[in-house]
Amino acid sequence: MNEKCVLDENKICNNCGECDECDLTPGKKCDNCGKCIGLDADSRAIEIEDVILKN
């Protein structure tokens, strides 16, 4: 089955790459820098609540 486009639910994905484009610099591939969402300390940390050890 074909995947749906993540940007347009009425479209089948045709691997156009539009979903990988940088929101701040059109034409540039997203490198996950986080500038578009204003990364701060809260979103850069993961709180570990429990550790499960396997024997």
PDB file of N, CA and C in Angstrom:
ATOM      1  N   MET A   1       0.838  -1.185   0.000  1.00  0.00           N
ATOM      2  CA  MET A   1       0.000   0.000   0.000  1.00  0.00           C
ATOM      3  C   MET A   1       0.883   1.248   0.000  1.00  0.00           C
ATOM      4  N   ASN A   2       0.480   2.262  -0.705  1.00  0.00           N
ATOM      5  CA  ASN A   2       1.246   3.499  -0.799  1.00  0.00           C
ATOM      6  C   ASN A   2       1.056   4.366   0.435  1.00  0.00           C
ATOM      7  N   GLU A   3       2.124   5.035   0.843  1.00  0.00           N
ATOM      8  CA  GLU A   3       2.067   5.931   1.988  1.00  0.00           C
ATOM      9  C   GLU A   3       1.393   7.240   1.590  1.00  0.00           C
ATOM     10  N   LYS A   4       0.711   7.846   2.562  1.00  0.00           N
ATOM     11  CA  LYS A   4       0.132   9.163   2.336  1.00  0.00           C
ATOM     12  C   LYS A   4       1.189  10.224   2.620  1.00  0.00           C
ATOM     13  N   CYS A   5       1.075  11.344   1.954  1.00  0.00           N
ATOM     14  CA  CYS A   5       1.965  12.483   2.164  1.00  0.00           C
ATOM     15  C   CYS A   5       1.748  13.022   3.579  1.00  0.00           C
ATOM     16  N   VAL A   6       2.824  13.358   4.282  1.00  0.00           N
ATOM     17  CA  VAL A   6       2.697  13.886   5.635  1.00  0.00           C
ATOM     18  C   VAL A   6       2.248  15.340   5.646  1.00  0.00           C
ATOM     19  N   LEU A   7       2.352  16.028   4.507  1.00  0.00           N
ATOM     20  CA  LEU A   7       1.938  17.425   4.420  1.00  0.00           C
ATOM     21  C   LEU A   7       0.552  17.602   3.820  1.00  0.00           C
ATOM     22  N   ASP A   8       0.070  16.617   3.074  1.00  0.00           N
ATOM     23  CA  ASP A   8      -1.238  16.690   2.419  1.00  0.00           C
ATOM     24  C   ASP A   8      -1.898  15.325   2.492  1.00  0.00           C
ATOM     25  N   GLU A   9      -2.867  15.189   3.372  1.00  0.00           N
ATOM     26  CA  GLU A   9      -3.494  13.883   3.601  1.00  0.00           C
ATOM     27  C   GLU A   9      -4.255  13.352   2.392  1.00  0.00           C
ATOM     28  N   ASN A  10      -4.512  14.186   1.404  1.00  0.00           N
ATOM     29  CA  ASN A  10      -5.225  13.757   0.204  1.00  0.00           C
ATOM     30  C   ASN A  10      -4.282  13.328  -0.917  1.00  0.00           C
ATOM     31  N   LYS A  11      -2.990  13.298  -0.643  1.00  0.00           N
ATOM     32  CA  LYS A  11      -1.980  13.005  -1.659  1.00  0.00           C
ATOM     33  C   LYS A  11      -1.200  11.745  -1.278  1.00  0.00           C
ATOM     34  N   ILE A  12      -0.840  10.951  -2.261  1.00  0.00           N
ATOM     35  CA  ILE A  12       0.031   9.797  -2.047  1.00  0.00           C
ATOM     36  C   ILE A  12       1.479  10.291  -2.120  1.00  0.00           C
ATOM     37  N   CYS A  13       2.332   9.814  -1.213  1.00  0.00           N
ATOM     38  CA  CYS A  13       3.734  10.217  -1.206  1.00  0.00           C
ATOM     39  C   CYS A  13       4.397   9.829  -2.527  1.00  0.00           C
ATOM     40  N   ASN A  14       5.057  10.820  -3.144  1.00  0.00           N
ATOM     41  CA  ASN A  14       5.796  10.559  -4.377  1.00  0.00           C
ATOM     42  C   ASN A  14       7.281  10.868  -4.205  1.00  0.00           C
ATOM     43  N   ASN A  15       7.725  10.906  -2.930  1.00  0.00           N
ATOM     44  CA  ASN A  15       9.131  11.161  -2.585  1.00  0.00           C
ATOM     45  C   ASN A  15       9.654  12.472  -3.162  1.00  0.00           C
ATOM     46  N   CYS A  16       8.822  13.518  -3.130  1.00  0.00           N
ATOM     47  CA  CYS A  16       9.225  14.826  -3.661  1.00  0.00           C
ATOM     48  C   CYS A  16      10.247  15.517  -2.763  1.00  0.00           C
ATOM     49  N   GLY A  17      10.277  15.165  -1.463  1.00  0.00           N
ATOM     50  CA  GLY A  17      11.242  15.739  -0.530  1.00  0.00           C
ATOM     51  C   GLY A  17      10.781  17.016   0.141  1.00  0.00           C
ATOM     52  N   GLU A  18       9.576  17.479  -0.178  1.00  0.00           N
ATOM     53  CA  GLU A  18       9.087  18.722   0.405  1.00  0.00           C
ATOM     54  C   GLU A  18       8.999  18.639   1.932  1.00  0.00           C
ATOM     55  N   CYS A  19       8.712  17.466   2.464  1.00  0.00           N
ATOM     56  CA  CYS A  19       8.603  17.301   3.917  1.00  0.00           C
ATOM     57  C   CYS A  19       9.964  17.370   4.612  1.00  0.00           C
ATOM     58  N   ASP A  20      11.045  17.255   3.868  1.00  0.00           N
ATOM     59  CA  ASP A  20      12.394  17.330   4.438  1.00  0.00           C
ATOM     60  C   ASP A  20      13.021  18.710   4.278  1.00  0.00           C
ATOM     61  N   GLU A  21      12.249  19.673   3.758  1.00  0.00           N
ATOM     62  CA  GLU A  21      12.791  21.008   3.493  1.00  0.00           C
ATOM     63  C   GLU A  21      12.781  21.858   4.757  1.00  0.00           C
ATOM     64  N   CYS A  22      13.827  22.655   4.936  1.00  0.00           N
ATOM     65  CA  CYS A  22      13.959  23.560   6.076  1.00  0.00           C
ATOM     66  C   CYS A  22      12.864  24.622   6.021  1.00  0.00           C
ATOM     67  N   ASP A  23      12.215  24.886   7.161  1.00  0.00           N
ATOM     68  CA  ASP A  23      11.168  25.907   7.221  1.00  0.00           C
ATOM     69  C   ASP A  23      11.742  27.318   7.182  1.00  0.00           C
ATOM     70  N   LEU A  24      12.968  27.495   7.633  1.00  0.00           N
ATOM     71  CA  LEU A  24      13.564  28.822   7.692  1.00  0.00           C
ATOM     72  C   LEU A  24      14.354  29.191   6.437  1.00  0.00           C
ATOM     73  N   THR A  25      14.906  28.190   5.755  1.00  0.00           N
ATOM     74  CA  THR A  25      15.698  28.420   4.551  1.00  0.00           C
ATOM     75  C   THR A  25      15.164  27.533   3.435  1.00  0.00           C
ATOM     76  N   PRO A  26      14.174  28.022   2.685  1.00  0.00           N
ATOM     77  CA  PRO A  26      13.610  27.214   1.596  1.00  0.00           C
ATOM     78  C   PRO A  26      14.696  26.737   0.624  1.00  0.00           C
ATOM     79  N   GLY A  27      14.580  25.501   0.197  1.00  0.00           N
ATOM     80  CA  GLY A  27      15.563  24.912  -0.704  1.00  0.00           C
ATOM     81  C   GLY A  27      16.643  24.131   0.022  1.00  0.00           C
ATOM     82  N   LYS A  28      16.774  24.347   1.341  1.00  0.00           N
ATOM     83  CA  LYS A  28      17.772  23.641   2.145  1.00  0.00           C
ATOM     84  C   LYS A  28      17.120  22.432   2.796  1.00  0.00           C
ATOM     85  N   LYS A  29      17.806  21.299   2.818  1.00  0.00           N
ATOM     86  CA  LYS A  29      17.300  20.104   3.489  1.00  0.00           C
ATOM     87  C   LYS A  29      17.426  20.296   5.003  1.00  0.00           C
ATOM     88  N   CYS A  30      16.399  19.898   5.724  1.00  0.00           N
ATOM     89  CA  CYS A  30      16.391  20.024   7.187  1.00  0.00           C
ATOM     90  C   CYS A  30      17.541  19.213   7.781  1.00  0.00           C
ATOM     91  N   ASP A  31      18.290  19.837   8.704  1.00  0.00           N
ATOM     92  CA  ASP A  31      19.373  19.137   9.389  1.00  0.00           C
ATOM     93  C   ASP A  31      19.084  19.004  10.890  1.00  0.00           C
ATOM     94  N   ASN A  32      17.817  19.184  11.254  1.00  0.00           N
ATOM     95  CA  ASN A  32      17.362  19.047  12.646  1.00  0.00           C
ATOM     96  C   ASN A  32      18.075  19.982  13.615  1.00  0.00           C
ATOM     97  N   CYS A  33      18.371  21.214  13.181  1.00  0.00           N
ATOM     98  CA  CYS A  33      19.059  22.172  14.049  1.00  0.00           C
ATOM     99  C   CYS A  33      18.152  22.673  15.169  1.00  0.00           C
ATOM    100  N   GLY A  34      16.830  22.663  14.946  1.00  0.00           N
ATOM    101  CA  GLY A  34      15.881  23.076  15.970  1.00  0.00           C
ATOM    102  C   GLY A  34      15.603  24.559  16.030  1.00  0.00           C
ATOM    103  N   LYS A  35      16.219  25.357  15.174  1.00  0.00           N
ATOM    104  CA  LYS A  35      15.997  26.806  15.203  1.00  0.00           C
ATOM    105  C   LYS A  35      14.547  27.171  14.918  1.00  0.00           C
ATOM    106  N   CYS A  36      13.865  26.383  14.112  1.00  0.00           N
ATOM    107  CA  CYS A  36      12.476  26.681  13.756  1.00  0.00           C
ATOM    108  C   CYS A  36      11.513  26.466  14.919  1.00  0.00           C
ATOM    109  N   ILE A  37      11.894  25.670  15.899  1.00  0.00           N
ATOM    110  CA  ILE A  37      11.023  25.428  17.045  1.00  0.00           C
ATOM    111  C   ILE A  37      11.571  26.033  18.326  1.00  0.00           C
ATOM    112  N   GLY A  38      12.684  26.757  18.224  1.00  0.00           N
ATOM    113  CA  GLY A  38      13.240  27.435  19.392  1.00  0.00           C
ATOM    114  C   GLY A  38      13.628  26.489  20.501  1.00  0.00           C
ATOM    115  N   LEU A  39      14.506  25.553  20.210  1.00  0.00           N
ATOM    116  CA  LEU A  39      14.927  24.587  21.232  1.00  0.00           C
ATOM    117  C   LEU A  39      15.472  25.293  22.462  1.00  0.00           C
ATOM    118  N   ASP A  40      15.041  24.835  23.615  1.00  0.00           N
ATOM    119  CA  ASP A  40      15.574  25.337  24.873  1.00  0.00           C
ATOM    120  C   ASP A  40      15.936  24.142  25.755  1.00  0.00           C
ATOM    121  N   ALA A  41      16.342  24.390  26.966  1.00  0.00           N
ATOM    122  CA  ALA A  41      16.800  23.310  27.848  1.00  0.00           C
ATOM    123  C   ALA A  41      15.726  22.257  28.095  1.00  0.00           C
ATOM    124  N   ASP A  42      14.460  22.659  28.162  1.00  0.00           N
ATOM    125  CA  ASP A  42      13.386  21.705  28.428  1.00  0.00           C
ATOM    126  C   ASP A  42      13.204  20.703  27.303  1.00  0.00           C
ATOM    127  N   SER A  43      13.430  21.130  26.070  1.00  0.00           N
ATOM    128  CA  SER A  43      13.218  20.212  24.948  1.00  0.00           C
ATOM    129  C   SER A  43      14.499  19.478  24.557  1.00  0.00           C
ATOM    130  N   ARG A  44      15.611  19.789  25.183  1.00  0.00           N
ATOM    131  CA  ARG A  44      16.865  19.087  24.903  1.00  0.00           C
ATOM    132  C   ARG A  44      17.193  18.052  25.957  1.00  0.00           C
ATOM    133  N   ALA A  45      16.332  17.876  26.930  1.00  0.00           N
ATOM    134  CA  ALA A  45      16.601  16.936  28.015  1.00  0.00           C
ATOM    135  C   ALA A  45      15.518  15.867  28.069  1.00  0.00           C
ATOM    136  N   ILE A  46      15.915  14.693  28.469  1.00  0.00           N
ATOM    137  CA  ILE A  46      14.981  13.595  28.649  1.00  0.00           C
ATOM    138  C   ILE A  46      15.105  13.142  30.094  1.00  0.00           C
ATOM    139  N   GLU A  47      13.994  13.150  30.788  1.00  0.00           N
ATOM    140  CA  GLU A  47      13.999  12.710  32.173  1.00  0.00           C
ATOM    141  C   GLU A  47      13.854  11.195  32.214  1.00  0.00           C
ATOM    142  N   ILE A  48      14.794  10.532  32.868  1.00  0.00           N
ATOM    143  CA  ILE A  48      14.749   9.075  33.013  1.00  0.00           C
ATOM    144  C   ILE A  48      14.089   8.766  34.342  1.00  0.00           C
ATOM    145  N   GLU A  49      12.956   8.072  34.267  1.00  0.00           N
ATOM    146  CA  GLU A  49      12.202   7.782  35.476  1.00  0.00           C
ATOM    147  C   GLU A  49      12.542   6.423  36.058  1.00  0.00           C
ATOM    148  N   ASP A  50      12.977   5.483  35.215  1.00  0.00           N
ATOM    149  CA  ASP A  50      13.221   4.131  35.692  1.00  0.00           C
ATOM    150  C   ASP A  50      14.205   3.445  34.762  1.00  0.00           C
ATOM    151  N   VAL A  51      15.000   2.528  35.301  1.00  0.00           N
ATOM    152  CA  VAL A  51      15.916   1.727  34.510  1.00  0.00           C
ATOM    153  C   VAL A  51      15.577   0.271  34.749  1.00  0.00           C
ATOM    154  N   ILE A  52      15.359  -0.464  33.679  1.00  0.00           N
ATOM    155  CA  ILE A  52      15.029  -1.886  33.776  1.00  0.00           C
ATOM    156  C   ILE A  52      16.249  -2.688  33.328  1.00  0.00           C
ATOM    157  N   LEU A  53      16.784  -3.489  34.222  1.00  0.00           N
ATOM    158  CA  LEU A  53      17.950  -4.309  33.925  1.00  0.00           C
ATOM    159  C   LEU A  53      17.498  -5.705  33.516  1.00  0.00           C
ATOM    160  N   LYS A  54      18.052  -6.213  32.418  1.00  0.00           N
ATOM    161  CA  LYS A  54      17.739  -7.579  31.982  1.00  0.00           C
ATOM    162  C   LYS A  54      18.859  -8.497  32.421  1.00  0.00           C
ATOM    163  N   ASN A  55      18.508  -9.679  32.870  1.00  0.00           N
ATOM    164  CA  ASN A  55      19.515 -10.674  33.272  1.00  0.00           C
ATOM    165  C   ASN A  55      19.956 -11.505  32.108  1.00  0.00           C
TER     166      ASN A  55
END
